[in-house]
Amino acid sequence: ARLTELAKVWQGAGHVAGSAATVGVVTPASDDARHREFVAFDHGQAVMTMMIAAAGMGIGSAHGWVVDQDQARRVLGLPEDQVLAWVVSFGYPADRPLQPVKNPNRKPFEEVVHREKW
């Protein structure tokens, strides 16, 4: 029931409702735009690391931004000086095991990486 309510923090967070587990990334509220930019970068790194680690264990994941802070506070009991920045849901895929793509449809490395000049 709590994950279903937490999924309502943003229209793109529906994956939270059916997850096996969800991590909420909480941070102090700030009016300082520069501070928010630095924190957003750090959060992105943390979320990416969690998702990569999960994939390495065969666990699927999805992340979502949080728009409705009032809903987040109701569900999680967050104090007013904290905000829920991201939700990251985890679970095993229902239809197949999570596996790396063996032959991804990617351009060759040499076509997308340039050294010292274009």
C-alpha atoms as a PDB file:
ATOM      1  CA  ALA A   1       0.000   0.000   0.000  1.00  0.00           C
ATOM      2  CA  ARG A   2       2.842   2.413   0.812  1.00  0.00           C
ATOM      3  CA  LEU A   3       4.573   1.836  -2.545  1.00  0.00           C
ATOM      4  CA  THR A   4       1.274   2.413  -4.353  1.00  0.00           C
ATOM      5  CA  GLU A   5       0.939   5.767  -2.605  1.00  0.00           C
ATOM      6  CA  LEU A   6       4.596   6.621  -3.193  1.00  0.00           C
ATOM      7  CA  ALA A   7       4.110   5.973  -6.924  1.00  0.00           C
ATOM      8  CA  LYS A   8       1.821   9.030  -7.011  1.00  0.00           C
ATOM      9  CA  VAL A   9       4.687  11.508  -6.471  1.00  0.00           C
ATOM     10  CA  TRP A  10       5.072  11.890 -10.254  1.00  0.00           C
ATOM     11  CA  GLN A  11       3.215  10.677 -13.329  1.00  0.00           C
ATOM     12  CA  GLY A  12       6.294   8.709 -14.424  1.00  0.00           C
ATOM     13  CA  ALA A  13       6.793   6.903 -11.108  1.00  0.00           C
ATOM     14  CA  GLY A  14       4.175   4.193 -11.632  1.00  0.00           C
ATOM     15  CA  HIS A  15       6.910   1.538 -11.618  1.00  0.00           C
ATOM     16  CA  VAL A  16       7.281   2.090  -7.870  1.00  0.00           C
ATOM     17  CA  ALA A  17       3.883   0.531  -7.104  1.00  0.00           C
ATOM     18  CA  GLY A  18       4.851  -2.927  -8.350  1.00  0.00           C
ATOM     19  CA  SER A  19       8.470  -2.947  -7.251  1.00  0.00           C
ATOM     20  CA  ALA A  20      10.022  -5.419  -4.848  1.00  0.00           C
ATOM     21  CA  ALA A  21      11.817  -2.519  -3.160  1.00  0.00           C
ATOM     22  CA  THR A  22      12.199   1.213  -3.688  1.00  0.00           C
ATOM     23  CA  VAL A  23      14.912   3.569  -2.481  1.00  0.00           C
ATOM     24  CA  GLY A  24      14.039   7.205  -1.868  1.00  0.00           C
ATOM     25  CA  VAL A  25      16.842   9.733  -2.272  1.00  0.00           C
ATOM     26  CA  VAL A  26      16.185  12.426   0.345  1.00  0.00           C
ATOM     27  CA  THR A  27      18.049  15.720   0.624  1.00  0.00           C
ATOM     28  CA  PRO A  28      17.781  18.946   2.611  1.00  0.00           C
ATOM     29  CA  ALA A  29      15.541  21.546   0.964  1.00  0.00           C
ATOM     30  CA  SER A  30      17.478  24.549  -0.359  1.00  0.00           C
ATOM     31  CA  ASP A  31      16.690  27.890  -1.976  1.00  0.00           C
ATOM     32  CA  ASP A  32      20.268  28.105  -3.289  1.00  0.00           C
ATOM     33  CA  ALA A  33      20.191  27.227  -7.012  1.00  0.00           C
ATOM     34  CA  ARG A  34      23.923  26.476  -7.140  1.00  0.00           C
ATOM     35  CA  HIS A  35      23.631  24.094  -4.199  1.00  0.00           C
ATOM     36  CA  ARG A  36      20.689  22.326  -5.879  1.00  0.00           C
ATOM     37  CA  GLU A  37      22.758  21.861  -9.058  1.00  0.00           C
ATOM     38  CA  PHE A  38      25.640  20.278  -7.149  1.00  0.00           C
ATOM     39  CA  VAL A  39      23.283  18.049  -5.203  1.00  0.00           C
ATOM     40  CA  ALA A  40      21.460  16.999  -8.391  1.00  0.00           C
ATOM     41  CA  PHE A  41      24.770  15.836  -9.857  1.00  0.00           C
ATOM     42  CA  ASP A  42      25.593  13.860  -6.713  1.00  0.00           C
ATOM     43  CA  HIS A  43      22.136  12.294  -6.679  1.00  0.00           C
ATOM     44  CA  GLY A  44      22.517  11.293 -10.313  1.00  0.00           C
ATOM     45  CA  GLN A  45      25.791   9.566  -9.523  1.00  0.00           C
ATOM     46  CA  ALA A  46      24.264   7.742  -6.556  1.00  0.00           C
ATOM     47  CA  VAL A  47      21.197   6.628  -8.524  1.00  0.00           C
ATOM     48  CA  MET A  48      23.312   5.477 -11.464  1.00  0.00           C
ATOM     49  CA  THR A  49      25.598   3.483  -9.172  1.00  0.00           C
ATOM     50  CA  MET A  50      22.654   1.743  -7.508  1.00  0.00           C
ATOM     51  CA  MET A  51      21.145   0.878 -10.891  1.00  0.00           C
ATOM     52  CA  ILE A  52      24.415  -0.454 -12.327  1.00  0.00           C
ATOM     53  CA  ALA A  53      25.057  -2.546  -9.214  1.00  0.00           C
ATOM     54  CA  ALA A  54      21.525  -3.950  -9.398  1.00  0.00           C
ATOM     55  CA  ALA A  55      21.919  -4.862 -13.072  1.00  0.00           C
ATOM     56  CA  GLY A  56      25.119  -6.709 -12.206  1.00  0.00           C
ATOM     57  CA  MET A  57      23.062  -8.884  -9.844  1.00  0.00           C
ATOM     58  CA  GLY A  58      20.311  -9.494 -12.410  1.00  0.00           C
ATOM     59  CA  ILE A  59      17.936  -7.042 -10.738  1.00  0.00           C
ATOM     60  CA  GLY A  60      15.972  -4.603 -12.868  1.00  0.00           C
ATOM     61  CA  SER A  61      15.561  -0.977 -11.859  1.00  0.00           C
ATOM     62  CA  ALA A  62      13.878   2.261 -12.851  1.00  0.00           C
ATOM     63  CA  HIS A  63      14.203   5.776 -11.524  1.00  0.00           C
ATOM     64  CA  GLY A  64      11.733   8.607 -11.289  1.00  0.00           C
ATOM     65  CA  TRP A  65      11.742  12.257 -10.416  1.00  0.00           C
ATOM     66  CA  VAL A  66       9.536  13.549  -7.604  1.00  0.00           C
ATOM     67  CA  VAL A  67       7.120  16.425  -8.220  1.00  0.00           C
ATOM     68  CA  ASP A  68       4.533  16.101  -5.448  1.00  0.00           C
ATOM     69  CA  GLN A  69       6.505  16.765  -2.269  1.00  0.00           C
ATOM     70  CA  ASP A  70       3.321  16.931  -0.177  1.00  0.00           C
ATOM     71  CA  GLN A  71       2.498  13.360  -1.227  1.00  0.00           C
ATOM     72  CA  ALA A  72       6.075  12.276  -0.464  1.00  0.00           C
ATOM     73  CA  ARG A  73       5.837  13.836   3.000  1.00  0.00           C
ATOM     74  CA  ARG A  74       2.496  12.148   3.704  1.00  0.00           C
ATOM     75  CA  VAL A  75       3.762   8.724   2.668  1.00  0.00           C
ATOM     76  CA  LEU A  76       7.248   8.871   4.188  1.00  0.00           C
ATOM     77  CA  GLY A  77       6.760  11.279   7.072  1.00  0.00           C
ATOM     78  CA  LEU A  78       9.501  13.608   5.826  1.00  0.00           C
ATOM     79  CA  PRO A  79      10.054  16.824   7.777  1.00  0.00           C
ATOM     80  CA  GLU A  80       9.461  20.139   5.992  1.00  0.00           C
ATOM     81  CA  ASP A  81      13.190  20.832   5.643  1.00  0.00           C
ATOM     82  CA  GLN A  82      13.751  17.662   3.562  1.00  0.00           C
ATOM     83  CA  VAL A  83      12.678  16.784   0.021  1.00  0.00           C
ATOM     84  CA  LEU A  84      12.403  13.478  -1.801  1.00  0.00           C
ATOM     85  CA  ALA A  85      14.521  14.049  -4.902  1.00  0.00           C
ATOM     86  CA  TRP A  86      14.318  10.647  -6.624  1.00  0.00           C
ATOM     87  CA  VAL A  87      12.736   7.240  -6.280  1.00  0.00           C
ATOM     88  CA  VAL A  88      14.564   4.164  -7.568  1.00  0.00           C
ATOM     89  CA  SER A  89      12.583   0.944  -7.821  1.00  0.00           C
ATOM     90  CA  PHE A  90      14.100  -2.530  -7.941  1.00  0.00           C
ATOM     91  CA  GLY A  91      12.830  -5.984  -8.817  1.00  0.00           C
ATOM     92  CA  TYR A  92      13.322  -9.056 -10.943  1.00  0.00           C
ATOM     93  CA  PRO A  93      11.820  -8.802 -14.438  1.00  0.00           C
ATOM     94  CA  ALA A  94       8.614 -10.849 -14.619  1.00  0.00           C
ATOM     95  CA  ASP A  95       8.962 -11.994 -18.234  1.00  0.00           C
ATOM     96  CA  ARG A  96      12.645 -12.981 -18.466  1.00  0.00           C
ATOM     97  CA  PRO A  97      15.915 -12.884 -16.549  1.00  0.00           C
ATOM     98  CA  LEU A  98      17.807  -9.615 -16.859  1.00  0.00           C
ATOM     99  CA  GLN A  99      20.739 -10.211 -19.200  1.00  0.00           C
ATOM    100  CA  PRO A 100      23.156  -7.957 -21.046  1.00  0.00           C
ATOM    101  CA  VAL A 101      22.389  -7.339 -24.709  1.00  0.00           C
ATOM    102  CA  LYS A 102      24.867  -9.561 -26.556  1.00  0.00           C
ATOM    103  CA  ASN A 103      24.882  -7.661 -29.836  1.00  0.00           C
ATOM    104  CA  PRO A 104      23.726  -4.128 -29.125  1.00  0.00           C
ATOM    105  CA  ASN A 105      22.870  -2.031 -32.156  1.00  0.00           C
ATOM    106  CA  ARG A 106      25.579   0.572 -31.571  1.00  0.00           C
ATOM    107  CA  LYS A 107      27.916   2.541 -33.770  1.00  0.00           C
ATOM    108  CA  PRO A 108      31.531   1.412 -33.620  1.00  0.00           C
ATOM    109  CA  PHE A 109      33.505   3.041 -30.816  1.00  0.00           C
ATOM    110  CA  GLU A 110      35.847   4.718 -33.323  1.00  0.00           C
ATOM    111  CA  GLU A 111      32.898   6.559 -34.916  1.00  0.00           C
ATOM    112  CA  VAL A 112      31.750   8.209 -31.703  1.00  0.00           C
ATOM    113  CA  VAL A 113      35.001   8.861 -29.813  1.00  0.00           C
ATOM    114  CA  HIS A 114      37.451  11.516 -30.975  1.00  0.00           C
ATOM    115  CA  ARG A 115      40.924  11.991 -29.560  1.00  0.00           C
ATOM    116  CA  GLU A 116      42.396  15.473 -29.116  1.00  0.00           C
ATOM    117  CA  LYS A 117      40.382  16.954 -32.012  1.00  0.00           C
ATOM    118  CA  TRP A 118      37.228  16.195 -33.989  1.00  0.00           C
END
